[in-house]
Amino acid sequence: MIAKLSEMGVTSEMAYGAGFVSIGLAFASWFASKKAEEAGLDRADRWGIFIGEWAPTFFALGVALRLEENQK
């Protein structure tokens, strides 16, 4: 799967960038949910945690892609 992503042009820098963007998006979604919805802090926390869980996946893909890039 990693080799295929690399062949498709996905780089480790892209994956790392997506990880950092997801951290920012987690904060933004938490803040927006807290202000816009009447459900309260609990729902805002769930939104932030849901999106925040993407970051480690993107960083792990970045590491795997970096290893793939170094093998070439």
PDB file of N, CA and C in Angstrom:
ATOM      1  N   MET A   1       0.821  -1.184   0.000  1.00  0.00           N
ATOM      2  CA  MET A   1       0.000   0.000   0.000  1.00  0.00           C
ATOM      3  C   MET A   1       0.871   1.255   0.000  1.00  0.00           C
ATOM      4  N   ILE A   2       1.927   1.251   0.792  1.00  0.00           N
ATOM      5  CA  ILE A   2       2.811   2.410   0.861  1.00  0.00           C
ATOM      6  C   ILE A   2       3.522   2.612  -0.469  1.00  0.00           C
ATOM      7  N   ALA A   3       3.965   1.519  -1.077  1.00  0.00           N
ATOM      8  CA  ALA A   3       4.628   1.617  -2.379  1.00  0.00           C
ATOM      9  C   ALA A   3       3.674   2.196  -3.420  1.00  0.00           C
ATOM     10  N   LYS A   4       2.428   1.784  -3.376  1.00  0.00           N
ATOM     11  CA  LYS A   4       1.435   2.298  -4.326  1.00  0.00           C
ATOM     12  C   LYS A   4       1.199   3.790  -4.114  1.00  0.00           C
ATOM     13  N   LEU A   5       1.098   4.212  -2.850  1.00  0.00           N
ATOM     14  CA  LEU A   5       0.948   5.646  -2.567  1.00  0.00           C
ATOM     15  C   LEU A   5       2.138   6.428  -3.112  1.00  0.00           C
ATOM     16  N   SER A   6       3.322   5.889  -2.905  1.00  0.00           N
ATOM     17  CA  SER A   6       4.529   6.542  -3.406  1.00  0.00           C
ATOM     18  C   SER A   6       4.518   6.625  -4.930  1.00  0.00           C
ATOM     19  N   GLU A   7       4.093   5.554  -5.583  1.00  0.00           N
ATOM     20  CA  GLU A   7       3.997   5.552  -7.050  1.00  0.00           C
ATOM     21  C   GLU A   7       2.984   6.577  -7.544  1.00  0.00           C
ATOM     22  N   MET A   8       1.945   6.806  -6.757  1.00  0.00           N
ATOM     23  CA  MET A   8       0.905   7.769  -7.133  1.00  0.00           C
ATOM     24  C   MET A   8       1.351   9.215  -6.906  1.00  0.00           C
ATOM     25  N   GLY A   9       2.535   9.398  -6.316  1.00  0.00           N
ATOM     26  CA  GLY A   9       3.067  10.742  -6.131  1.00  0.00           C
ATOM     27  C   GLY A   9       2.868  11.323  -4.748  1.00  0.00           C
ATOM     28  N   VAL A  10       2.346  10.531  -3.824  1.00  0.00           N
ATOM     29  CA  VAL A  10       2.170  11.008  -2.453  1.00  0.00           C
ATOM     30  C   VAL A  10       3.535  10.974  -1.775  1.00  0.00           C
ATOM     31  N   THR A  11       3.941  12.096  -1.191  1.00  0.00           N
ATOM     32  CA  THR A  11       5.241  12.178  -0.534  1.00  0.00           C
ATOM     33  C   THR A  11       5.076  12.208   0.984  1.00  0.00           C
ATOM     34  N   SER A  12       6.173  11.969   1.666  1.00  0.00           N
ATOM     35  CA  SER A  12       6.136  12.016   3.126  1.00  0.00           C
ATOM     36  C   SER A  12       5.799  13.422   3.610  1.00  0.00           C
ATOM     37  N   GLU A  13       6.266  14.442   2.896  1.00  0.00           N
ATOM     38  CA  GLU A  13       5.964  15.818   3.286  1.00  0.00           C
ATOM     39  C   GLU A  13       4.458  16.091   3.214  1.00  0.00           C
ATOM     40  N   MET A  14       3.800  15.515   2.237  1.00  0.00           N
ATOM     41  CA  MET A  14       2.343  15.673   2.129  1.00  0.00           C
ATOM     42  C   MET A  14       1.648  15.050   3.335  1.00  0.00           C
ATOM     43  N   ALA A  15       2.090  13.870   3.727  1.00  0.00           N
ATOM     44  CA  ALA A  15       1.477  13.186   4.864  1.00  0.00           C
ATOM     45  C   ALA A  15       1.728  13.959   6.159  1.00  0.00           C
ATOM     46  N   TYR A  16       2.966  14.459   6.334  1.00  0.00           N
ATOM     47  CA  TYR A  16       3.259  15.257   7.521  1.00  0.00           C
ATOM     48  C   TYR A  16       2.416  16.532   7.533  1.00  0.00           C
ATOM     49  N   GLY A  17       2.294  17.154   6.385  1.00  0.00           N
ATOM     50  CA  GLY A  17       1.469  18.363   6.280  1.00  0.00           C
ATOM     51  C   GLY A  17       0.014  18.078   6.638  1.00  0.00           C
ATOM     52  N   ALA A  18      -0.503  16.946   6.151  1.00  0.00           N
ATOM     53  CA  ALA A  18      -1.878  16.573   6.480  1.00  0.00           C
ATOM     54  C   ALA A  18      -2.036  16.342   7.982  1.00  0.00           C
ATOM     55  N   GLY A  19      -1.000  15.814   8.627  1.00  0.00           N
ATOM     56  CA  GLY A  19      -1.038  15.613  10.074  1.00  0.00           C
ATOM     57  C   GLY A  19      -1.145  16.935  10.815  1.00  0.00           C
ATOM     58  N   PHE A  20      -0.334  17.905  10.407  1.00  0.00           N
ATOM     59  CA  PHE A  20      -0.386  19.216  11.064  1.00  0.00           C
ATOM     60  C   PHE A  20      -1.700  19.936  10.775  1.00  0.00           C
ATOM     61  N   VAL A  21      -2.202  19.799   9.556  1.00  0.00           N
ATOM     62  CA  VAL A  21      -3.493  20.413   9.220  1.00  0.00           C
ATOM     63  C   VAL A  21      -4.609  19.795  10.058  1.00  0.00           C
ATOM     64  N   SER A  22      -4.548  18.482  10.276  1.00  0.00           N
ATOM     65  CA  SER A  22      -5.598  17.832  11.062  1.00  0.00           C
ATOM     66  C   SER A  22      -5.574  18.285  12.523  1.00  0.00           C
ATOM     67  N   ILE A  23      -4.393  18.613  13.038  1.00  0.00           N
ATOM     68  CA  ILE A  23      -4.320  19.156  14.397  1.00  0.00           C
ATOM     69  C   ILE A  23      -5.027  20.507  14.448  1.00  0.00           C
ATOM     70  N   GLY A  24      -4.741  21.354  13.477  1.00  0.00           N
ATOM     71  CA  GLY A  24      -5.420  22.651  13.414  1.00  0.00           C
ATOM     72  C   GLY A  24      -6.909  22.513  13.193  1.00  0.00           C
ATOM     73  N   LEU A  25      -7.282  21.571  12.343  1.00  0.00           N
ATOM     74  CA  LEU A  25      -8.698  21.338  12.072  1.00  0.00           C
ATOM     75  C   LEU A  25      -9.419  20.802  13.302  1.00  0.00           C
ATOM     76  N   ALA A  26      -8.743  20.000  14.106  1.00  0.00           N
ATOM     77  CA  ALA A  26      -9.341  19.492  15.344  1.00  0.00           C
ATOM     78  C   ALA A  26      -9.651  20.639  16.290  1.00  0.00           C
ATOM     79  N   PHE A  27      -8.704  21.558  16.432  1.00  0.00           N
ATOM     80  CA  PHE A  27      -8.940  22.716  17.293  1.00  0.00           C
ATOM     81  C   PHE A  27     -10.064  23.590  16.740  1.00  0.00           C
ATOM     82  N   ALA A  28     -10.031  23.825  15.424  1.00  0.00           N
ATOM     83  CA  ALA A  28     -11.059  24.669  14.813  1.00  0.00           C
ATOM     84  C   ALA A  28     -12.446  24.049  14.942  1.00  0.00           C
ATOM     85  N   SER A  29     -12.551  22.740  14.742  1.00  0.00           N
ATOM     86  CA  SER A  29     -13.860  22.093  14.850  1.00  0.00           C
ATOM     87  C   SER A  29     -14.350  22.100  16.297  1.00  0.00           C
ATOM     88  N   TRP A  30     -13.435  21.927  17.244  1.00  0.00           N
ATOM     89  CA  TRP A  30     -13.808  21.997  18.657  1.00  0.00           C
ATOM     90  C   TRP A  30     -14.343  23.386  18.988  1.00  0.00           C
ATOM     91  N   PHE A  31     -13.613  24.414  18.555  1.00  0.00           N
ATOM     92  CA  PHE A  31     -14.019  25.786  18.849  1.00  0.00           C
ATOM     93  C   PHE A  31     -15.337  26.127  18.169  1.00  0.00           C
ATOM     94  N   ALA A  32     -15.480  25.744  16.897  1.00  0.00           N
ATOM     95  CA  ALA A  32     -16.715  26.040  16.157  1.00  0.00           C
ATOM     96  C   ALA A  32     -17.907  25.311  16.763  1.00  0.00           C
ATOM     97  N   SER A  33     -17.723  24.061  17.134  1.00  0.00           N
ATOM     98  CA  SER A  33     -18.815  23.293  17.730  1.00  0.00           C
ATOM     99  C   SER A  33     -19.202  23.873  19.082  1.00  0.00           C
ATOM    100  N   LYS A  34     -18.228  24.303  19.837  1.00  0.00           N
ATOM    101  CA  LYS A  34     -18.486  24.872  21.160  1.00  0.00           C
ATOM    102  C   LYS A  34     -19.302  26.162  21.039  1.00  0.00           C
ATOM    103  N   LYS A  35     -18.995  26.969  20.028  1.00  0.00           N
ATOM    104  CA  LYS A  35     -19.679  28.262  19.860  1.00  0.00           C
ATOM    105  C   LYS A  35     -20.998  28.139  19.101  1.00  0.00           C
ATOM    106  N   ALA A  36     -21.066  27.259  18.108  1.00  0.00           N
ATOM    107  CA  ALA A  36     -22.216  27.228  17.210  1.00  0.00           C
ATOM    108  C   ALA A  36     -23.342  26.316  17.681  1.00  0.00           C
ATOM    109  N   GLU A  37     -23.010  25.238  18.370  1.00  0.00           N
ATOM    110  CA  GLU A  37     -24.033  24.280  18.768  1.00  0.00           C
ATOM    111  C   GLU A  37     -24.430  24.493  20.222  1.00  0.00           C
ATOM    112  N   GLU A  38     -25.653  24.166  20.507  1.00  0.00           N
ATOM    113  CA  GLU A  38     -26.135  24.284  21.877  1.00  0.00           C
ATOM    114  C   GLU A  38     -25.919  22.997  22.679  1.00  0.00           C
ATOM    115  N   ALA A  39     -25.271  22.005  22.067  1.00  0.00           N
ATOM    116  CA  ALA A  39     -25.079  20.713  22.729  1.00  0.00           C
ATOM    117  C   ALA A  39     -24.053  20.801  23.850  1.00  0.00           C
ATOM    118  N   GLY A  40     -23.255  21.836  23.851  1.00  0.00           N
ATOM    119  CA  GLY A  40     -22.324  22.031  24.942  1.00  0.00           C
ATOM    120  C   GLY A  40     -20.934  21.501  24.678  1.00  0.00           C
ATOM    121  N   LEU A  41     -20.176  21.498  25.742  1.00  0.00           N
ATOM    122  CA  LEU A  41     -18.771  21.137  25.668  1.00  0.00           C
ATOM    123  C   LEU A  41     -18.552  19.668  25.313  1.00  0.00           C
ATOM    124  N   ASP A  42     -19.455  18.795  25.730  1.00  0.00           N
ATOM    125  CA  ASP A  42     -19.281  17.364  25.446  1.00  0.00           C
ATOM    126  C   ASP A  42     -19.218  17.080  23.948  1.00  0.00           C
ATOM    127  N   ARG A  43     -20.134  17.653  23.188  1.00  0.00           N
ATOM    128  CA  ARG A  43     -20.125  17.413  21.738  1.00  0.00           C
ATOM    129  C   ARG A  43     -18.912  18.063  21.094  1.00  0.00           C
ATOM    130  N   ALA A  44     -18.542  19.240  21.554  1.00  0.00           N
ATOM    131  CA  ALA A  44     -17.353  19.897  21.017  1.00  0.00           C
ATOM    132  C   ALA A  44     -16.120  19.037  21.257  1.00  0.00           C
ATOM    133  N   ASP A  45     -16.026  18.455  22.442  1.00  0.00           N
ATOM    134  CA  ASP A  45     -14.900  17.567  22.738  1.00  0.00           C
ATOM    135  C   ASP A  45     -14.886  16.362  21.814  1.00  0.00           C
ATOM    136  N   ARG A  46     -16.061  15.785  21.549  1.00  0.00           N
ATOM    137  CA  ARG A  46     -16.120  14.616  20.664  1.00  0.00           C
ATOM    138  C   ARG A  46     -15.665  14.971  19.260  1.00  0.00           C
ATOM    139  N   TRP A  47     -16.085  16.131  18.743  1.00  0.00           N
ATOM    140  CA  TRP A  47     -15.650  16.557  17.410  1.00  0.00           C
ATOM    141  C   TRP A  47     -14.137  16.743  17.374  1.00  0.00           C
ATOM    142  N   GLY A  48     -13.600  17.424  18.379  1.00  0.00           N
ATOM    143  CA  GLY A  48     -12.162  17.656  18.421  1.00  0.00           C
ATOM    144  C   GLY A  48     -11.370  16.371  18.504  1.00  0.00           C
ATOM    145  N   ILE A  49     -11.823  15.433  19.326  1.00  0.00           N
ATOM    146  CA  ILE A  49     -11.123  14.157  19.470  1.00  0.00           C
ATOM    147  C   ILE A  49     -11.224  13.339  18.184  1.00  0.00           C
ATOM    148  N   PHE A  50     -12.403  13.323  17.554  1.00  0.00           N
ATOM    149  CA  PHE A  50     -12.593  12.561  16.320  1.00  0.00           C
ATOM    150  C   PHE A  50     -11.615  13.019  15.242  1.00  0.00           C
ATOM    151  N   ILE A  51     -11.539  14.302  15.026  1.00  0.00           N
ATOM    152  CA  ILE A  51     -10.645  14.806  13.982  1.00  0.00           C
ATOM    153  C   ILE A  51      -9.192  14.725  14.443  1.00  0.00           C
ATOM    154  N   GLY A  52      -8.946  14.910  15.735  1.00  0.00           N
ATOM    155  CA  GLY A  52      -7.589  14.824  16.255  1.00  0.00           C
ATOM    156  C   GLY A  52      -6.979  13.436  16.123  1.00  0.00           C
ATOM    157  N   GLU A  53      -7.815  12.433  16.021  1.00  0.00           N
ATOM    158  CA  GLU A  53      -7.293  11.069  15.854  1.00  0.00           C
ATOM    159  C   GLU A  53      -6.701  10.830  14.477  1.00  0.00           C
ATOM    160  N   TRP A  54      -6.956  11.705  13.544  1.00  0.00           N
ATOM    161  CA  TRP A  54      -6.390  11.540  12.201  1.00  0.00           C
ATOM    162  C   TRP A  54      -4.896  11.833  12.185  1.00  0.00           C
ATOM    163  N   ALA A  55      -4.452  12.752  13.031  1.00  0.00           N
ATOM    164  CA  ALA A  55      -3.054  13.205  12.994  1.00  0.00           C
ATOM    165  C   ALA A  55      -2.050  12.056  13.138  1.00  0.00           C
ATOM    166  N   PRO A  56      -2.180  11.179  14.131  1.00  0.00           N
ATOM    167  CA  PRO A  56      -1.192  10.095  14.243  1.00  0.00           C
ATOM    168  C   PRO A  56      -1.151   9.182  13.011  1.00  0.00           C
ATOM    169  N   THR A  57      -2.308   8.989  12.380  1.00  0.00           N
ATOM    170  CA  THR A  57      -2.345   8.167  11.166  1.00  0.00           C
ATOM    171  C   THR A  57      -1.556   8.828  10.047  1.00  0.00           C
ATOM    172  N   PHE A  58      -1.753  10.130   9.864  1.00  0.00           N
ATOM    173  CA  PHE A  58      -1.002  10.836   8.823  1.00  0.00           C
ATOM    174  C   PHE A  58       0.499  10.849   9.121  1.00  0.00           C
ATOM    175  N   PHE A  59       0.863  11.045  10.394  1.00  0.00           N
ATOM    176  CA  PHE A  59       2.284  11.030  10.742  1.00  0.00           C
ATOM    177  C   PHE A  59       2.893   9.643  10.525  1.00  0.00           C
ATOM    178  N   ALA A  60       2.162   8.589  10.845  1.00  0.00           N
ATOM    179  CA  ALA A  60       2.650   7.234  10.607  1.00  0.00           C
ATOM    180  C   ALA A  60       2.813   6.969   9.110  1.00  0.00           C
ATOM    181  N   LEU A  61       1.870   7.440   8.309  1.00  0.00           N
ATOM    182  CA  LEU A  61       2.011   7.311   6.856  1.00  0.00           C
ATOM    183  C   LEU A  61       3.229   8.087   6.367  1.00  0.00           C
ATOM    184  N   GLY A  62       3.467   9.247   6.960  1.00  0.00           N
ATOM    185  CA  GLY A  62       4.646  10.031   6.597  1.00  0.00           C
ATOM    186  C   GLY A  62       5.932   9.285   6.870  1.00  0.00           C
ATOM    187  N   VAL A  63       6.007   8.631   8.017  1.00  0.00           N
ATOM    188  CA  VAL A  63       7.211   7.839   8.352  1.00  0.00           C
ATOM    189  C   VAL A  63       7.371   6.686   7.360  1.00  0.00           C
ATOM    190  N   ALA A  64       6.282   5.988   7.085  1.00  0.00           N
ATOM    191  CA  ALA A  64       6.354   4.861   6.147  1.00  0.00           C
ATOM    192  C   ALA A  64       6.751   5.339   4.753  1.00  0.00           C
ATOM    193  N   LEU A  65       6.204   6.456   4.318  1.00  0.00           N
ATOM    194  CA  LEU A  65       6.569   6.987   3.006  1.00  0.00           C
ATOM    195  C   LEU A  65       8.021   7.447   2.985  1.00  0.00           C
ATOM    196  N   ARG A  66       8.505   8.005   4.091  1.00  0.00           N
ATOM    197  CA  ARG A  66       9.909   8.422   4.157  1.00  0.00           C
ATOM    198  C   ARG A  66      10.826   7.201   4.022  1.00  0.00           C
ATOM    199  N   LEU A  67      10.477   6.122   4.696  1.00  0.00           N
ATOM    200  CA  LEU A  67      11.262   4.900   4.559  1.00  0.00           C
ATOM    201  C   LEU A  67      11.237   4.384   3.127  1.00  0.00           C
ATOM    202  N   GLU A  68      10.085   4.473   2.492  1.00  0.00           N
ATOM    203  CA  GLU A  68       9.953   4.050   1.084  1.00  0.00           C
ATOM    204  C   GLU A  68      10.803   4.934   0.183  1.00  0.00           C
ATOM    205  N   GLU A  69      10.804   6.243   0.449  1.00  0.00           N
ATOM    206  CA  GLU A  69      11.599   7.169  -0.359  1.00  0.00           C
ATOM    207  C   GLU A  69      13.098   6.912  -0.193  1.00  0.00           C
ATOM    208  N   ASN A  70      13.517   6.548   1.005  1.00  0.00           N
ATOM    209  CA  ASN A  70      14.938   6.297   1.249  1.00  0.00           C
ATOM    210  C   ASN A  70      15.417   4.986   0.631  1.00  0.00           C
ATOM    211  N   GLN A  71      14.519   4.068   0.327  1.00  0.00           N
ATOM    212  CA  GLN A  71      14.904   2.804  -0.293  1.00  0.00           C
ATOM    213  C   GLN A  71      15.186   2.965  -1.783  1.00  0.00           C
ATOM    214  N   LYS A  72      14.687   4.014  -2.370  1.00  0.00           N
ATOM    215  CA  LYS A  72      14.853   4.207  -3.820  1.00  0.00           C
ATOM    216  C   LYS A  72      16.189   4.801  -4.153  1.00  0.00           C
TER     217      LYS A  72
END
